[in-house]
Amino acid sequence: MKSTGMVRKIDELGRIVLPIEIRNHMDIKSRDSIEIFVDGDKIILSKYQPACLFCGNAGNVIYFKGKLICSECLEKIKEQF
């Protein structure tokens, strides 16, 4: 993991501000969703990217009956029927 050398304080509501340099580098825009992970004593923030329910592929996904499925898995499902 690479240190940025940037330090931010948490406000009274538990919020932090992500520096513009990090937002630009990660292509994070206003109103984008961020996923939060915990790894031991570390908090990891990641730009949320919807992924296929079956394989986890984040590319070329569509909603099918309220669930995200990639085109490859959808084709495999079609082959079963």
PDB file of N, CA and C in Angstrom:
ATOM      1  N   MET A   1       0.845  -1.167   0.000  1.00  0.00           N
ATOM      2  CA  MET A   1       0.000   0.000   0.000  1.00  0.00           C
ATOM      3  C   MET A   1       0.892   1.232   0.000  1.00  0.00           C
ATOM      4  N   LYS A   2       0.536   2.194  -0.837  1.00  0.00           N
ATOM      5  CA  LYS A   2       1.356   3.403  -1.001  1.00  0.00           C
ATOM      6  C   LYS A   2       0.829   4.532  -0.118  1.00  0.00           C
ATOM      7  N   SER A   3       1.706   5.159   0.639  1.00  0.00           N
ATOM      8  CA  SER A   3       1.320   6.295   1.474  1.00  0.00           C
ATOM      9  C   SER A   3       1.276   7.553   0.628  1.00  0.00           C
ATOM     10  N   THR A   4       0.232   8.365   0.852  1.00  0.00           N
ATOM     11  CA  THR A   4       0.121   9.634   0.129  1.00  0.00           C
ATOM     12  C   THR A   4       0.726  10.770   0.922  1.00  0.00           C
ATOM     13  N   GLY A   5       0.906  10.593   2.216  1.00  0.00           N
ATOM     14  CA  GLY A   5       1.406  11.658   3.071  1.00  0.00           C
ATOM     15  C   GLY A   5       0.329  12.656   3.453  1.00  0.00           C
ATOM     16  N   MET A   6      -0.903  12.422   2.988  1.00  0.00           N
ATOM     17  CA  MET A   6      -2.010  13.324   3.301  1.00  0.00           C
ATOM     18  C   MET A   6      -2.728  12.846   4.556  1.00  0.00           C
ATOM     19  N   VAL A   7      -3.057  13.777   5.442  1.00  0.00           N
ATOM     20  CA  VAL A   7      -3.765  13.460   6.684  1.00  0.00           C
ATOM     21  C   VAL A   7      -4.995  14.346   6.755  1.00  0.00           C
ATOM     22  N   ARG A   8      -6.120  13.775   7.112  1.00  0.00           N
ATOM     23  CA  ARG A   8      -7.363  14.526   7.257  1.00  0.00           C
ATOM     24  C   ARG A   8      -7.989  14.180   8.593  1.00  0.00           C
ATOM     25  N   LYS A   9      -8.666  15.157   9.208  1.00  0.00           N
ATOM     26  CA  LYS A   9      -9.386  14.931  10.462  1.00  0.00           C
ATOM     27  C   LYS A   9     -10.825  14.537  10.164  1.00  0.00           C
ATOM     28  N   ILE A  10     -11.387  13.746  11.057  1.00  0.00           N
ATOM     29  CA  ILE A  10     -12.799  13.376  10.975  1.00  0.00           C
ATOM     30  C   ILE A  10     -13.596  14.438  11.712  1.00  0.00           C
ATOM     31  N   ASP A  11     -14.683  14.932  11.097  1.00  0.00           N
ATOM     32  CA  ASP A  11     -15.480  15.965  11.763  1.00  0.00           C
ATOM     33  C   ASP A  11     -16.441  15.339  12.764  1.00  0.00           C
ATOM     34  N   GLU A  12     -17.237  16.177  13.424  1.00  0.00           N
ATOM     35  CA  GLU A  12     -18.139  15.705  14.481  1.00  0.00           C
ATOM     36  C   GLU A  12     -19.225  14.754  13.971  1.00  0.00           C
ATOM     37  N   LEU A  13     -19.477  14.731  12.662  1.00  0.00           N
ATOM     38  CA  LEU A  13     -20.455  13.810  12.081  1.00  0.00           C
ATOM     39  C   LEU A  13     -19.801  12.547  11.508  1.00  0.00           C
ATOM     40  N   GLY A  14     -18.484  12.421  11.699  1.00  0.00           N
ATOM     41  CA  GLY A  14     -17.775  11.231  11.219  1.00  0.00           C
ATOM     42  C   GLY A  14     -17.343  11.327   9.766  1.00  0.00           C
ATOM     43  N   ARG A  15     -17.366  12.514   9.180  1.00  0.00           N
ATOM     44  CA  ARG A  15     -17.017  12.696   7.766  1.00  0.00           C
ATOM     45  C   ARG A  15     -15.545  13.060   7.606  1.00  0.00           C
ATOM     46  N   ILE A  16     -15.016  12.671   6.451  1.00  0.00           N
ATOM     47  CA  ILE A  16     -13.685  13.125   6.051  1.00  0.00           C
ATOM     48  C   ILE A  16     -13.800  13.663   4.623  1.00  0.00           C
ATOM     49  N   VAL A  17     -12.873  14.512   4.253  1.00  0.00           N
ATOM     50  CA  VAL A  17     -12.826  15.029   2.888  1.00  0.00           C
ATOM     51  C   VAL A  17     -11.691  14.335   2.161  1.00  0.00           C
ATOM     52  N   LEU A  18     -12.002  13.734   1.008  1.00  0.00           N
ATOM     53  CA  LEU A  18     -10.958  13.126   0.186  1.00  0.00           C
ATOM     54  C   LEU A  18     -10.302  14.229  -0.640  1.00  0.00           C
ATOM     55  N   PRO A  19      -8.995  14.346  -0.570  1.00  0.00           N
ATOM     56  CA  PRO A  19      -8.304  15.398  -1.329  1.00  0.00           C
ATOM     57  C   PRO A  19      -8.597  15.312  -2.823  1.00  0.00           C
ATOM     58  N   ILE A  20      -8.669  16.460  -3.466  1.00  0.00           N
ATOM     59  CA  ILE A  20      -8.989  16.537  -4.893  1.00  0.00           C
ATOM     60  C   ILE A  20      -8.011  15.725  -5.739  1.00  0.00           C
ATOM     61  N   GLU A  21      -6.741  15.669  -5.326  1.00  0.00           N
ATOM     62  CA  GLU A  21      -5.752  14.904  -6.083  1.00  0.00           C
ATOM     63  C   GLU A  21      -6.118  13.421  -6.116  1.00  0.00           C
ATOM     64  N   ILE A  22      -6.585  12.900  -4.996  1.00  0.00           N
ATOM     65  CA  ILE A  22      -6.975  11.490  -4.939  1.00  0.00           C
ATOM     66  C   ILE A  22      -8.256  11.264  -5.734  1.00  0.00           C
ATOM     67  N   ARG A  23      -9.227  12.176  -5.583  1.00  0.00           N
ATOM     68  CA  ARG A  23     -10.479  12.041  -6.345  1.00  0.00           C
ATOM     69  C   ARG A  23     -10.215  12.078  -7.841  1.00  0.00           C
ATOM     70  N   ASN A  24      -9.364  12.973  -8.289  1.00  0.00           N
ATOM     71  CA  ASN A  24      -9.046  13.042  -9.720  1.00  0.00           C
ATOM     72  C   ASN A  24      -8.334  11.782 -10.184  1.00  0.00           C
ATOM     73  N   HIS A  25      -7.362  11.319  -9.409  1.00  0.00           N
ATOM     74  CA  HIS A  25      -6.601  10.120  -9.767  1.00  0.00           C
ATOM     75  C   HIS A  25      -7.507   8.892  -9.855  1.00  0.00           C
ATOM     76  N   MET A  26      -8.474   8.793  -8.968  1.00  0.00           N
ATOM     77  CA  MET A  26      -9.376   7.634  -8.928  1.00  0.00           C
ATOM     78  C   MET A  26     -10.651   7.847  -9.736  1.00  0.00           C
ATOM     79  N   ASP A  27     -10.748   8.987 -10.431  1.00  0.00           N
ATOM     80  CA  ASP A  27     -11.930   9.347 -11.223  1.00  0.00           C
ATOM     81  C   ASP A  27     -13.208   9.289 -10.376  1.00  0.00           C
ATOM     82  N   ILE A  28     -13.125   9.854  -9.175  1.00  0.00           N
ATOM     83  CA  ILE A  28     -14.275   9.919  -8.263  1.00  0.00           C
ATOM     84  C   ILE A  28     -14.911  11.296  -8.410  1.00  0.00           C
ATOM     85  N   LYS A  29     -16.169  11.289  -8.805  1.00  0.00           N
ATOM     86  CA  LYS A  29     -16.917  12.528  -9.010  1.00  0.00           C
ATOM     87  C   LYS A  29     -17.886  12.734  -7.850  1.00  0.00           C
ATOM     88  N   SER A  30     -18.407  13.938  -7.758  1.00  0.00           N
ATOM     89  CA  SER A  30     -19.421  14.239  -6.756  1.00  0.00           C
ATOM     90  C   SER A  30     -20.608  13.295  -6.948  1.00  0.00           C
ATOM     91  N   ARG A  31     -21.108  12.754  -5.866  1.00  0.00           N
ATOM     92  CA  ARG A  31     -22.254  11.833  -5.833  1.00  0.00           C
ATOM     93  C   ARG A  31     -21.914  10.392  -6.224  1.00  0.00           C
ATOM     94  N   ASP A  32     -20.631  10.081  -6.537  1.00  0.00           N
ATOM     95  CA  ASP A  32     -20.236   8.689  -6.788  1.00  0.00           C
ATOM     96  C   ASP A  32     -20.329   7.912  -5.488  1.00  0.00           C
ATOM     97  N   SER A  33     -20.541   6.622  -5.595  1.00  0.00           N
ATOM     98  CA  SER A  33     -20.597   5.758  -4.420  1.00  0.00           C
ATOM     99  C   SER A  33     -19.201   5.212  -4.111  1.00  0.00           C
ATOM    100  N   ILE A  34     -18.906   5.095  -2.822  1.00  0.00           N
ATOM    101  CA  ILE A  34     -17.638   4.559  -2.352  1.00  0.00           C
ATOM    102  C   ILE A  34     -17.922   3.314  -1.517  1.00  0.00           C
ATOM    103  N   GLU A  35     -17.182   2.258  -1.789  1.00  0.00           N
ATOM    104  CA  GLU A  35     -17.309   1.019  -1.030  1.00  0.00           C
ATOM    105  C   GLU A  35     -16.309   1.051   0.115  1.00  0.00           C
ATOM    106  N   ILE A  36     -16.707   0.539   1.282  1.00  0.00           N
ATOM    107  CA  ILE A  36     -15.851   0.558   2.473  1.00  0.00           C
ATOM    108  C   ILE A  36     -15.528  -0.876   2.879  1.00  0.00           C
ATOM    109  N   PHE A  37     -14.236  -1.157   3.010  1.00  0.00           N
ATOM    110  CA  PHE A  37     -13.769  -2.471   3.432  1.00  0.00           C
ATOM    111  C   PHE A  37     -12.959  -2.309   4.712  1.00  0.00           C
ATOM    112  N   VAL A  38     -12.894  -3.367   5.500  1.00  0.00           N
ATOM    113  CA  VAL A  38     -12.056  -3.400   6.698  1.00  0.00           C
ATOM    114  C   VAL A  38     -11.120  -4.586   6.561  1.00  0.00           C
ATOM    115  N   ASP A  39      -9.834  -4.335   6.761  1.00  0.00           N
ATOM    116  CA  ASP A  39      -8.816  -5.380   6.706  1.00  0.00           C
ATOM    117  C   ASP A  39      -7.965  -5.240   7.959  1.00  0.00           C
ATOM    118  N   GLY A  40      -8.302  -6.018   8.985  1.00  0.00           N
ATOM    119  CA  GLY A  40      -7.605  -5.891  10.263  1.00  0.00           C
ATOM    120  C   GLY A  40      -7.871  -4.518  10.851  1.00  0.00           C
ATOM    121  N   ASP A  41      -6.823  -3.728  11.033  1.00  0.00           N
ATOM    122  CA  ASP A  41      -6.992  -2.386  11.601  1.00  0.00           C
ATOM    123  C   ASP A  41      -7.002  -1.300  10.520  1.00  0.00           C
ATOM    124  N   LYS A  42      -7.180  -1.702   9.261  1.00  0.00           N
ATOM    125  CA  LYS A  42      -7.193  -0.745   8.148  1.00  0.00           C
ATOM    126  C   LYS A  42      -8.602  -0.567   7.596  1.00  0.00           C
ATOM    127  N   ILE A  43      -8.917   0.661   7.209  1.00  0.00           N
ATOM    128  CA  ILE A  43     -10.156   0.979   6.505  1.00  0.00           C
ATOM    129  C   ILE A  43      -9.762   1.273   5.068  1.00  0.00           C
ATOM    130  N   ILE A  44     -10.374   0.574   4.130  1.00  0.00           N
ATOM    131  CA  ILE A  44     -10.040   0.726   2.722  1.00  0.00           C
ATOM    132  C   ILE A  44     -11.256   1.285   1.990  1.00  0.00           C
ATOM    133  N   LEU A  45     -11.056   2.380   1.278  1.00  0.00           N
ATOM    134  CA  LEU A  45     -12.113   2.993   0.482  1.00  0.00           C
ATOM    135  C   LEU A  45     -11.849   2.682  -0.983  1.00  0.00           C
ATOM    136  N   SER A  46     -12.898   2.330  -1.710  1.00  0.00           N
ATOM    137  CA  SER A  46     -12.762   2.005  -3.118  1.00  0.00           C
ATOM    138  C   SER A  46     -13.958   2.565  -3.866  1.00  0.00           C
ATOM    139  N   LYS A  47     -13.716   3.086  -5.066  1.00  0.00           N
ATOM    140  CA  LYS A  47     -14.833   3.552  -5.874  1.00  0.00           C
ATOM    141  C   LYS A  47     -15.710   2.348  -6.191  1.00  0.00           C
ATOM    142  N   TYR A  48     -17.002   2.482  -5.907  1.00  0.00           N
ATOM    143  CA  TYR A  48     -17.927   1.376  -6.107  1.00  0.00           C
ATOM    144  C   TYR A  48     -18.163   1.145  -7.582  1.00  0.00           C
ATOM    145  N   GLN A  49     -18.021  -0.088  -8.009  1.00  0.00           N
ATOM    146  CA  GLN A  49     -18.323  -0.478  -9.379  1.00  0.00           C
ATOM    147  C   GLN A  49     -19.221  -1.696  -9.323  1.00  0.00           C
ATOM    148  N   PRO A  50     -20.461  -1.544  -9.785  1.00  0.00           N
ATOM    149  CA  PRO A  50     -21.383  -2.680  -9.775  1.00  0.00           C
ATOM    150  C   PRO A  50     -20.780  -3.868 -10.524  1.00  0.00           C
ATOM    151  N   ALA A  51     -20.998  -5.058 -10.002  1.00  0.00           N
ATOM    152  CA  ALA A  51     -20.403  -6.250 -10.596  1.00  0.00           C
ATOM    153  C   ALA A  51     -21.435  -7.364 -10.741  1.00  0.00           C
ATOM    154  N   CYS A  52     -21.122  -8.310 -11.604  1.00  0.00           N
ATOM    155  CA  CYS A  52     -21.985  -9.459 -11.875  1.00  0.00           C
ATOM    156  C   CYS A  52     -22.199 -10.283 -10.608  1.00  0.00           C
ATOM    157  N   LEU A  53     -23.424 -10.674 -10.383  1.00  0.00           N
ATOM    158  CA  LEU A  53     -23.803 -11.489  -9.236  1.00  0.00           C
ATOM    159  C   LEU A  53     -23.072 -12.830  -9.227  1.00  0.00           C
ATOM    160  N   PHE A  54     -22.796 -13.378 -10.411  1.00  0.00           N
ATOM    161  CA  PHE A  54     -22.225 -14.716 -10.505  1.00  0.00           C
ATOM    162  C   PHE A  54     -20.691 -14.742 -10.542  1.00  0.00           C
ATOM    163  N   CYS A  55     -20.093 -13.893 -11.374  1.00  0.00           N
ATOM    164  CA  CYS A  55     -18.641 -13.998 -11.565  1.00  0.00           C
ATOM    165  C   CYS A  55     -17.858 -12.811 -11.004  1.00  0.00           C
ATOM    166  N   GLY A  56     -18.548 -11.728 -10.648  1.00  0.00           N
ATOM    167  CA  GLY A  56     -17.873 -10.565 -10.098  1.00  0.00           C
ATOM    168  C   GLY A  56     -17.308  -9.621 -11.139  1.00  0.00           C
ATOM    169  N   ASN A  57     -17.504  -9.912 -12.418  1.00  0.00           N
ATOM    170  CA  ASN A  57     -17.034  -9.052 -13.501  1.00  0.00           C
ATOM    171  C   ASN A  57     -17.755  -7.714 -13.434  1.00  0.00           C
ATOM    172  N   ALA A  58     -17.010  -6.610 -13.474  1.00  0.00           N
ATOM    173  CA  ALA A  58     -17.616  -5.281 -13.368  1.00  0.00           C
ATOM    174  C   ALA A  58     -17.897  -4.664 -14.737  1.00  0.00           C
ATOM    175  N   GLY A  59     -17.479  -5.312 -15.793  1.00  0.00           N
ATOM    176  CA  GLY A  59     -17.677  -4.759 -17.130  1.00  0.00           C
ATOM    177  C   GLY A  59     -18.902  -5.327 -17.812  1.00  0.00           C
ATOM    178  N   ASN A  60     -19.585  -4.478 -18.560  1.00  0.00           N
ATOM    179  CA  ASN A  60     -20.702  -4.902 -19.407  1.00  0.00           C
ATOM    180  C   ASN A  60     -21.803  -5.620 -18.612  1.00  0.00           C
ATOM    181  N   VAL A  61     -22.257  -5.017 -17.521  1.00  0.00           N
ATOM    182  CA  VAL A  61     -23.309  -5.615 -16.706  1.00  0.00           C
ATOM    183  C   VAL A  61     -24.653  -4.953 -17.001  1.00  0.00           C
ATOM    184  N   ILE A  62     -25.715  -5.738 -16.836  1.00  0.00           N
ATOM    185  CA  ILE A  62     -27.080  -5.245 -17.008  1.00  0.00           C
ATOM    186  C   ILE A  62     -27.912  -5.699 -15.814  1.00  0.00           C
ATOM    187  N   TYR A  63     -29.017  -5.015 -15.577  1.00  0.00           N
ATOM    188  CA  TYR A  63     -29.947  -5.441 -14.542  1.00  0.00           C
ATOM    189  C   TYR A  63     -30.913  -6.442 -15.129  1.00  0.00           C
ATOM    190  N   PHE A  64     -31.070  -7.584 -14.462  1.00  0.00           N
ATOM    191  CA  PHE A  64     -32.046  -8.605 -14.843  1.00  0.00           C
ATOM    192  C   PHE A  64     -32.819  -8.983 -13.596  1.00  0.00           C
ATOM    193  N   LYS A  65     -34.087  -8.620 -13.564  1.00  0.00           N
ATOM    194  CA  LYS A  65     -34.951  -8.868 -12.407  1.00  0.00           C
ATOM    195  C   LYS A  65     -34.324  -8.338 -11.122  1.00  0.00           C
ATOM    196  N   GLY A  66     -33.747  -7.133 -11.206  1.00  0.00           N
ATOM    197  CA  GLY A  66     -33.192  -6.471 -10.036  1.00  0.00           C
ATOM    198  C   GLY A  66     -31.787  -6.894  -9.634  1.00  0.00           C
ATOM    199  N   LYS A  67     -31.176  -7.781 -10.406  1.00  0.00           N
ATOM    200  CA  LYS A  67     -29.816  -8.257 -10.116  1.00  0.00           C
ATOM    201  C   LYS A  67     -28.897  -7.918 -11.274  1.00  0.00           C
ATOM    202  N   LEU A  68     -27.627  -7.624 -10.975  1.00  0.00           N
ATOM    203  CA  LEU A  68     -26.655  -7.340 -12.025  1.00  0.00           C
ATOM    204  C   LEU A  68     -26.045  -8.634 -12.550  1.00  0.00           C
ATOM    205  N   ILE A  69     -26.046  -8.773 -13.874  1.00  0.00           N
ATOM    206  CA  ILE A  69     -25.479  -9.950 -14.525  1.00  0.00           C
ATOM    207  C   ILE A  69     -24.681  -9.470 -15.733  1.00  0.00           C
ATOM    208  N   CYS A  70     -23.478 -10.019 -15.930  1.00  0.00           N
ATOM    209  CA  CYS A  70     -22.684  -9.653 -17.107  1.00  0.00           C
ATOM    210  C   CYS A  70     -23.199 -10.424 -18.320  1.00  0.00           C
ATOM    211  N   SER A  71     -22.841  -9.944 -19.500  1.00  0.00           N
ATOM    212  CA  SER A  71     -23.333 -10.560 -20.729  1.00  0.00           C
ATOM    213  C   SER A  71     -22.852 -12.000 -20.873  1.00  0.00           C
ATOM    214  N   GLU A  72     -21.641 -12.290 -20.394  1.00  0.00           N
ATOM    215  CA  GLU A  72     -21.112 -13.656 -20.507  1.00  0.00           C
ATOM    216  C   GLU A  72     -21.932 -14.637 -19.666  1.00  0.00           C
ATOM    217  N   CYS A  73     -22.246 -14.260 -18.430  1.00  0.00           N
ATOM    218  CA  CYS A  73     -23.041 -15.143 -17.570  1.00  0.00           C
ATOM    219  C   CYS A  73     -24.464 -15.270 -18.088  1.00  0.00           C
ATOM    220  N   LEU A  74     -25.005 -14.184 -18.645  1.00  0.00           N
ATOM    221  CA  LEU A  74     -26.349 -14.232 -19.213  1.00  0.00           C
ATOM    222  C   LEU A  74     -26.394 -15.227 -20.366  1.00  0.00           C
ATOM    223  N   GLU A  75     -25.352 -15.230 -21.200  1.00  0.00           N
ATOM    224  CA  GLU A  75     -25.282 -16.203 -22.316  1.00  0.00           C
ATOM    225  C   GLU A  75     -25.208 -17.631 -21.785  1.00  0.00           C
ATOM    226  N   LYS A  76     -24.424 -17.844 -20.725  1.00  0.00           N
ATOM    227  CA  LYS A  76     -24.327 -19.192 -20.140  1.00  0.00           C
ATOM    228  C   LYS A  76     -25.663 -19.647 -19.587  1.00  0.00           C
ATOM    229  N   ILE A  77     -26.415 -18.723 -19.000  1.00  0.00           N
ATOM    230  CA  ILE A  77     -27.745 -19.066 -18.475  1.00  0.00           C
ATOM    231  C   ILE A  77     -28.666 -19.437 -19.625  1.00  0.00           C
ATOM    232  N   LYS A  78     -28.623 -18.682 -20.699  1.00  0.00           N
ATOM    233  CA  LYS A  78     -29.460 -18.973 -21.876  1.00  0.00           C
ATOM    234  C   LYS A  78     -29.159 -20.361 -22.430  1.00  0.00           C
ATOM    235  N   GLU A  79     -27.867 -20.743 -22.433  1.00  0.00           N
ATOM    236  CA  GLU A  79     -27.453 -22.048 -22.952  1.00  0.00           C
ATOM    237  C   GLU A  79     -28.056 -23.200 -22.144  1.00  0.00           C
ATOM    238  N   GLN A  80     -28.320 -22.971 -20.866  1.00  0.00           N
ATOM    239  CA  GLN A  80     -28.867 -24.012 -19.992  1.00  0.00           C
ATOM    240  C   GLN A  80     -30.327 -24.314 -20.311  1.00  0.00           C
ATOM    241  N   PHE A  81     -30.971 -23.396 -20.997  1.00  0.00           N
ATOM    242  CA  PHE A  81     -32.407 -23.584 -21.284  1.00  0.00           C
ATOM    243  C   PHE A  81     -32.622 -23.719 -22.725  1.00  0.00           C
TER     244      PHE A  81
END
